[in-house]
Amino acid sequence: MADIRTTIAGLQMVNPVMTASGTFGYGIEFADLVDLSQIGGIIMKGTTLQPREGNDYPRMAETASGMLNCVGLQNKGVDYFCQHIYPQVKDIPSNMIVNVSGSSPDDYAECAARINQLDNIPAIELNISCPNVKQGGMAFGVTTEGASQVVRAVRRAYDKTLIVKLSPNVTNIADIARSVEDAGADAVSLINTLMGMAVDIERRKPRLSINTGGLSGPAVKPVAVRCVWQVAKAVQIPVIGLGGIMTAEDAIEFFMVGASAIEIGTGNFIDPAISVKVAQGISDWLDRHGCKSLQEIVGIIS
């Protein structure tokens, strides 16, 4: 059987399959449906310094080969997470990772600092697609300076593995990746959702309460593969690929263009056990093709 273990910036993973933030709750919600120990890493839902109510409903809409969402980072804040969620997840036998969001570098840094004190949280994933309130709502992740500013602030406050999640809604994603690497990121994950919109032509209104939202699912996979390919050639730190992965074959594409691990998002809504099935599928594919380890195919397409 092929060796599908992988290491991401110090994180030892039983396999390269992770669950994407916002699609798997805190992991505990799925404990009766799937063996959590068979998942390489669980990236929990977005957490912010202060509680957030999120956007008004409707905030999800189905599209051809994908879904739109504008949930708006609804959560009860980092203190609630530390006091109430952490005790429930700290002994889950997987890499439990917190996705961190904010509206200013100081917000990000303070949220990360509080999570830094939790022994059994080995990493955080920074969502830099959040609006910078000091710049009129422009997302941090769409400029090299905005992205590096957040990462530098968090790096000063956080000493564990720091993964930065990149937005595809930029001119050159490789430039953003290089900027966060220079600022202290240990790894990058990509892509976050693509901005999209859908209209209910009978009601003559947008399908989402705030008009636009993030597009995810199989529709975005070709864009995601292209972005991972570009970034893997631009940085020296590990790359985690995500965007429309539904099968082991989808995951293999990401590995071949340079990803060392992958995340599954929208697929969790269709099949709660998809992460374990994809991990097994990766192992089977490697066996069929005579590969002894996952590393034999990572980055073979340059």
Protein backbone atom coordinates (compact mmCIF):
# COMPACT_ATOMS: atom_id res chain seq x y z
CA MET A 1 0.00 0.00 0.00
CA ALA A 2 1.33 3.43 -0.95
CA ASP A 3 2.45 5.79 1.80
CA ILE A 4 0.06 8.75 1.74
CA ARG A 5 1.31 10.42 4.90
CA THR A 6 2.42 14.01 4.47
CA THR A 7 3.88 16.85 6.50
CA ILE A 8 2.80 20.46 6.16
CA ALA A 9 5.13 22.89 7.94
CA GLY A 10 5.56 20.55 10.90
CA LEU A 11 2.03 19.13 10.90
CA GLN A 12 2.20 15.33 10.73
CA MET A 13 -0.81 14.09 8.78
CA VAL A 14 -2.01 10.50 8.35
CA ASN A 15 -3.10 11.43 4.84
CA PRO A 16 -3.17 14.60 2.71
CA VAL A 17 -6.93 15.18 2.93
CA MET A 18 -8.30 18.03 5.06
CA THR A 19 -11.77 19.51 5.44
CA ALA A 20 -12.24 23.13 4.39
CA SER A 21 -13.39 25.79 6.82
CA GLY A 22 -17.10 26.49 6.92
CA THR A 23 -18.08 23.11 5.49
CA PHE A 24 -17.39 20.77 8.41
CA GLY A 25 -18.44 22.78 11.45
CA TYR A 26 -16.07 22.12 14.34
CA GLY A 27 -15.69 18.46 13.39
CA ILE A 28 -17.75 17.26 16.35
CA GLU A 29 -20.94 17.57 14.29
CA PHE A 30 -19.65 14.82 11.98
CA ALA A 31 -18.28 12.44 14.63
CA ASP A 32 -21.21 10.02 14.26
CA LEU A 33 -20.91 9.97 10.47
CA VAL A 34 -17.18 9.53 9.81
CA ASP A 35 -14.06 8.39 11.65
CA LEU A 36 -12.36 11.74 12.36
CA SER A 37 -9.02 10.04 13.03
CA GLN A 38 -8.90 9.13 9.33
CA ILE A 39 -8.87 12.77 8.25
CA GLY A 40 -5.49 14.47 7.88
CA GLY A 41 -6.69 17.78 9.25
CA ILE A 42 -9.97 19.47 10.17
CA ILE A 43 -10.12 23.21 9.54
CA MET A 44 -12.86 24.49 11.75
CA LYS A 45 -15.34 27.23 10.86
CA GLY A 46 -14.17 30.84 10.78
CA THR A 47 -13.51 32.50 14.12
CA THR A 48 -13.25 36.23 14.76
CA LEU A 49 -12.21 38.32 17.74
CA GLN A 50 -15.77 39.49 18.43
CA PRO A 51 -19.05 37.59 17.83
CA ARG A 52 -20.62 38.04 14.40
CA GLU A 53 -24.24 37.49 13.39
CA GLY A 54 -23.43 36.98 9.73
CA ASN A 55 -25.54 38.17 6.81
CA ASP A 56 -29.31 38.06 6.47
CA TYR A 57 -31.02 35.10 4.78
CA PRO A 58 -31.02 33.87 2.09
CA ARG A 59 -27.29 33.31 2.16
CA MET A 60 -26.86 30.14 0.12
CA ALA A 61 -27.90 29.42 -3.45
CA GLU A 62 -27.41 26.43 -5.71
CA THR A 63 -25.86 26.97 -9.13
CA ALA A 64 -24.84 24.69 -11.98
CA SER A 65 -21.97 22.53 -10.63
CA GLY A 66 -21.54 24.67 -7.54
CA MET A 67 -23.00 26.81 -4.80
CA LEU A 68 -22.95 30.44 -3.78
CA ASN A 69 -22.75 31.52 -0.16
CA CYS A 70 -22.63 34.77 1.78
CA VAL A 71 -22.86 33.40 5.31
CA GLY A 72 -20.74 36.27 6.59
CA LEU A 73 -18.52 34.50 9.14
CA GLN A 74 -21.27 33.92 11.68
CA ASN A 75 -19.64 32.78 14.92
CA LYS A 76 -19.68 33.49 18.65
CA GLY A 77 -16.16 34.89 18.85
CA VAL A 78 -12.78 33.57 19.92
CA ASP A 79 -13.46 33.67 23.67
CA TYR A 80 -16.52 31.46 23.22
CA PHE A 81 -14.44 29.12 21.10
CA CYS A 82 -11.72 28.88 23.76
CA GLN A 83 -14.16 28.33 26.62
CA HIS A 84 -16.81 26.12 25.04
CA ILE A 85 -15.66 24.61 21.73
CA TYR A 86 -12.03 23.87 22.48
CA PRO A 87 -12.82 21.46 25.38
CA GLN A 88 -14.96 19.45 22.95
CA VAL A 89 -12.41 19.28 20.12
CA LYS A 90 -9.04 19.18 21.89
CA ASP A 91 -8.91 15.38 22.03
CA ILE A 92 -10.08 14.66 18.48
CA PRO A 93 -7.26 12.55 16.93
CA SER A 94 -6.63 14.79 13.94
CA ASN A 95 -4.93 18.13 13.31
CA MET A 96 -7.56 20.56 14.59
CA ILE A 97 -6.98 23.91 12.87
CA VAL A 98 -8.81 27.19 13.47
CA ASN A 99 -9.67 29.46 10.55
CA VAL A 100 -9.09 33.06 11.70
CA SER A 101 -10.72 36.15 10.21
CA GLY A 102 -10.75 39.84 11.10
CA SER A 103 -11.38 43.41 9.97
CA SER A 104 -7.96 44.83 10.88
CA PRO A 105 -4.43 43.45 11.41
CA ASP A 106 -4.84 44.02 15.15
CA ASP A 107 -8.06 41.96 15.17
CA TYR A 108 -6.34 39.09 13.41
CA ALA A 109 -3.33 39.25 15.72
CA GLU A 110 -5.34 39.33 18.94
CA CYS A 111 -7.56 36.46 17.83
CA ALA A 112 -4.48 34.42 16.87
CA ALA A 113 -2.77 35.23 20.18
CA ARG A 114 -5.67 33.78 22.16
CA ILE A 115 -5.71 30.62 20.06
CA ASN A 116 -1.93 30.37 20.46
CA GLN A 117 -2.52 29.52 24.13
CA LEU A 118 -4.50 26.36 23.28
CA ASP A 119 -2.14 23.39 23.46
CA ASN A 120 -4.03 21.07 21.13
CA ILE A 121 -4.53 23.52 18.28
CA PRO A 122 -1.34 23.08 16.22
CA ALA A 123 -2.11 25.60 13.46
CA ILE A 124 -4.34 28.37 12.23
CA GLU A 125 -5.49 29.22 8.73
CA LEU A 126 -5.79 32.94 8.02
CA ASN A 127 -8.70 34.02 5.87
CA ILE A 128 -7.35 37.18 4.24
CA SER A 129 -10.37 37.56 1.98
CA CYS A 130 -12.04 39.61 4.71
CA PRO A 131 -12.89 43.30 4.17
CA ASN A 132 -10.41 45.79 5.61
CA VAL A 133 -12.70 48.32 7.28
CA LYS A 134 -9.96 50.94 7.25
CA GLN A 135 -9.72 50.76 3.46
CA GLY A 136 -13.40 51.03 2.59
CA GLY A 137 -14.07 47.31 2.56
CA MET A 138 -11.29 46.18 0.21
CA ALA A 139 -10.23 42.63 1.07
CA PHE A 140 -6.77 42.29 2.61
CA GLY A 141 -5.88 39.46 0.26
CA VAL A 142 -6.22 41.38 -3.00
CA THR A 143 -3.03 43.42 -2.58
CA THR A 144 0.47 42.31 -1.66
CA GLU A 145 0.77 44.99 1.00
CA GLY A 146 -2.60 44.21 2.58
CA ALA A 147 -1.85 40.49 2.69
CA SER A 148 1.65 40.87 4.10
CA GLN A 149 0.47 43.43 6.67
CA VAL A 150 -1.94 40.91 8.21
CA VAL A 151 0.57 38.06 8.13
CA ARG A 152 3.30 40.14 9.76
CA ALA A 153 0.93 41.17 12.55
CA VAL A 154 -0.18 37.60 13.18
CA ARG A 155 3.35 36.21 12.96
CA ARG A 156 4.40 38.46 15.84
CA ALA A 157 1.54 37.10 17.98
CA TYR A 158 1.48 33.47 16.91
CA ASP A 159 4.32 30.92 17.07
CA LYS A 160 2.74 27.73 15.70
CA THR A 161 2.07 26.68 12.11
CA LEU A 162 0.60 29.58 10.12
CA ILE A 163 -1.33 28.76 6.95
CA VAL A 164 -2.60 31.64 4.81
CA LYS A 165 -5.67 31.11 2.62
CA LEU A 166 -5.43 32.99 -0.67
CA SER A 167 -8.18 34.59 -2.70
CA PRO A 168 -8.46 33.94 -6.46
CA ASN A 169 -10.09 37.35 -6.94
CA VAL A 170 -6.76 38.99 -7.76
CA THR A 171 -4.69 39.91 -10.79
CA ASN A 172 -1.66 37.77 -9.91
CA ILE A 173 -2.07 35.20 -7.14
CA ALA A 174 1.62 34.25 -7.28
CA ASP A 175 2.57 37.77 -6.20
CA ILE A 176 0.24 37.54 -3.20
CA ALA A 177 1.71 34.14 -2.29
CA ARG A 178 5.25 35.46 -2.39
CA SER A 179 4.29 38.41 -0.22
CA VAL A 180 2.80 36.24 2.54
CA GLU A 181 5.75 33.85 2.38
CA ASP A 182 8.12 36.80 2.89
CA ALA A 183 5.94 38.01 5.79
CA GLY A 184 6.26 34.71 7.65
CA ALA A 185 3.61 32.27 6.41
CA ASP A 186 4.52 28.61 6.88
CA ALA A 187 2.14 27.39 4.14
CA VAL A 188 -0.55 28.68 1.81
CA SER A 189 -3.96 27.22 0.97
CA LEU A 190 -5.87 28.09 -2.18
CA ILE A 191 -8.28 28.90 -3.53
CA ASN A 192 -10.91 30.64 -1.50
CA THR A 193 -14.23 31.14 -3.27
CA LEU A 194 -14.69 33.07 -6.51
CA MET A 195 -17.03 36.03 -6.39
CA GLY A 196 -20.31 35.29 -8.11
CA MET A 197 -23.96 36.26 -8.37
CA ALA A 198 -27.26 34.58 -9.22
CA VAL A 199 -30.66 36.08 -10.00
CA ASP A 200 -34.15 34.74 -9.36
CA ILE A 201 -35.81 35.86 -12.59
CA GLU A 202 -39.33 35.12 -11.32
CA ARG A 203 -38.93 37.27 -8.22
CA ARG A 204 -36.65 39.67 -10.15
CA LYS A 205 -34.23 39.72 -7.25
CA PRO A 206 -30.76 38.39 -6.45
CA ARG A 207 -30.77 34.93 -4.88
CA LEU A 208 -28.52 36.14 -2.05
CA SER A 209 -29.37 38.78 0.54
CA ILE A 210 -26.28 40.87 -0.20
CA ASN A 211 -26.46 40.24 -3.97
CA THR A 212 -23.05 38.56 -4.38
CA GLY A 213 -21.35 35.63 -2.71
CA GLY A 214 -18.55 33.10 -2.95
CA LEU A 215 -18.79 30.40 -5.62
CA SER A 216 -17.49 26.94 -4.68
CA GLY A 217 -17.88 23.38 -5.94
CA PRO A 218 -16.80 21.53 -9.11
CA ALA A 219 -17.33 24.63 -11.26
CA VAL A 220 -14.24 26.31 -9.79
CA LYS A 221 -11.81 23.38 -10.03
CA PRO A 222 -10.04 24.36 -13.27
CA VAL A 223 -9.39 27.84 -11.85
CA ALA A 224 -8.13 26.33 -8.60
CA VAL A 225 -5.78 23.92 -10.35
CA ARG A 226 -4.33 26.77 -12.39
CA CYS A 227 -3.81 28.91 -9.29
CA VAL A 228 -2.11 26.09 -7.36
CA TRP A 229 0.17 25.43 -10.34
CA GLN A 230 1.19 29.11 -10.47
CA VAL A 231 1.75 29.44 -6.73
CA ALA A 232 3.65 26.17 -6.32
CA LYS A 233 6.22 27.46 -8.80
CA ALA A 234 6.47 30.82 -7.03
CA VAL A 235 7.04 29.86 -3.37
CA GLN A 236 9.18 27.49 -1.32
CA ILE A 237 6.61 26.83 1.41
CA PRO A 238 4.03 24.00 1.16
CA VAL A 239 0.88 24.55 -0.88
CA ILE A 240 -2.53 23.16 0.07
CA GLY A 241 -4.97 22.94 -2.82
CA LEU A 242 -8.74 23.24 -2.71
CA GLY A 243 -11.60 24.09 -4.99
CA GLY A 244 -14.15 21.65 -6.40
CA ILE A 245 -12.50 18.41 -5.25
CA MET A 246 -15.08 15.62 -5.30
CA THR A 247 -13.01 12.53 -6.13
CA ALA A 248 -9.55 11.09 -5.64
CA GLU A 249 -8.86 11.83 -9.29
CA ASP A 250 -9.61 15.50 -8.67
CA ALA A 251 -7.13 15.47 -5.79
CA ILE A 252 -4.45 13.82 -7.93
CA GLU A 253 -4.62 16.79 -10.32
CA PHE A 254 -3.79 19.15 -7.47
CA PHE A 255 -0.87 17.00 -6.30
CA MET A 256 0.59 16.83 -9.78
CA VAL A 257 0.64 20.63 -10.10
CA GLY A 258 2.37 21.08 -6.74
CA ALA A 259 -0.02 20.70 -3.81
CA SER A 260 1.29 18.74 -0.82
CA ALA A 261 -2.19 18.37 0.67
CA ILE A 262 -5.77 19.18 -0.30
CA GLU A 263 -8.97 20.41 1.34
CA ILE A 264 -12.51 19.32 0.54
CA GLY A 265 -15.30 21.85 1.04
CA THR A 266 -18.59 21.73 -0.83
CA GLY A 267 -18.30 17.94 -1.19
CA ASN A 268 -18.92 17.59 2.55
CA PHE A 269 -22.50 18.79 2.03
CA ILE A 270 -23.12 16.00 -0.47
CA ASP A 271 -21.33 13.18 1.37
CA PRO A 272 -20.17 13.70 4.98
CA ALA A 273 -17.65 10.85 4.57
CA ILE A 274 -16.14 12.16 1.34
CA SER A 275 -12.80 13.05 2.95
CA VAL A 276 -12.12 9.48 4.06
CA LYS A 277 -13.30 8.07 0.72
CA VAL A 278 -11.02 10.43 -1.21
CA ALA A 279 -8.05 9.51 1.00
CA GLN A 280 -8.64 5.83 0.29
CA GLY A 281 -9.06 6.62 -3.39
CA ILE A 282 -5.72 8.41 -3.47
CA SER A 283 -4.04 5.35 -1.96
CA ASP A 284 -5.74 3.07 -4.50
CA TRP A 285 -4.71 5.28 -7.42
CA LEU A 286 -1.09 5.31 -6.29
CA ASP A 287 -1.12 1.51 -5.93
CA ARG A 288 -2.58 1.05 -9.41
CA HIS A 289 0.10 3.27 -10.89
CA GLY A 290 3.00 1.64 -9.09
CA CYS A 291 3.77 4.59 -6.81
CA LYS A 292 5.19 3.82 -3.38
CA SER A 293 4.37 7.22 -1.91
CA LEU A 294 2.39 10.36 -2.55
CA GLN A 295 5.61 12.34 -2.87
CA GLU A 296 6.37 10.64 -6.20
CA ILE A 297 3.67 12.67 -7.94
CA VAL A 298 3.75 15.99 -6.07
CA GLY A 299 4.77 18.75 -8.49
CA ILE A 300 5.57 16.49 -11.45
CA ILE A 301 3.85 18.97 -13.77
CA SER A 302 5.96 22.11 -13.96
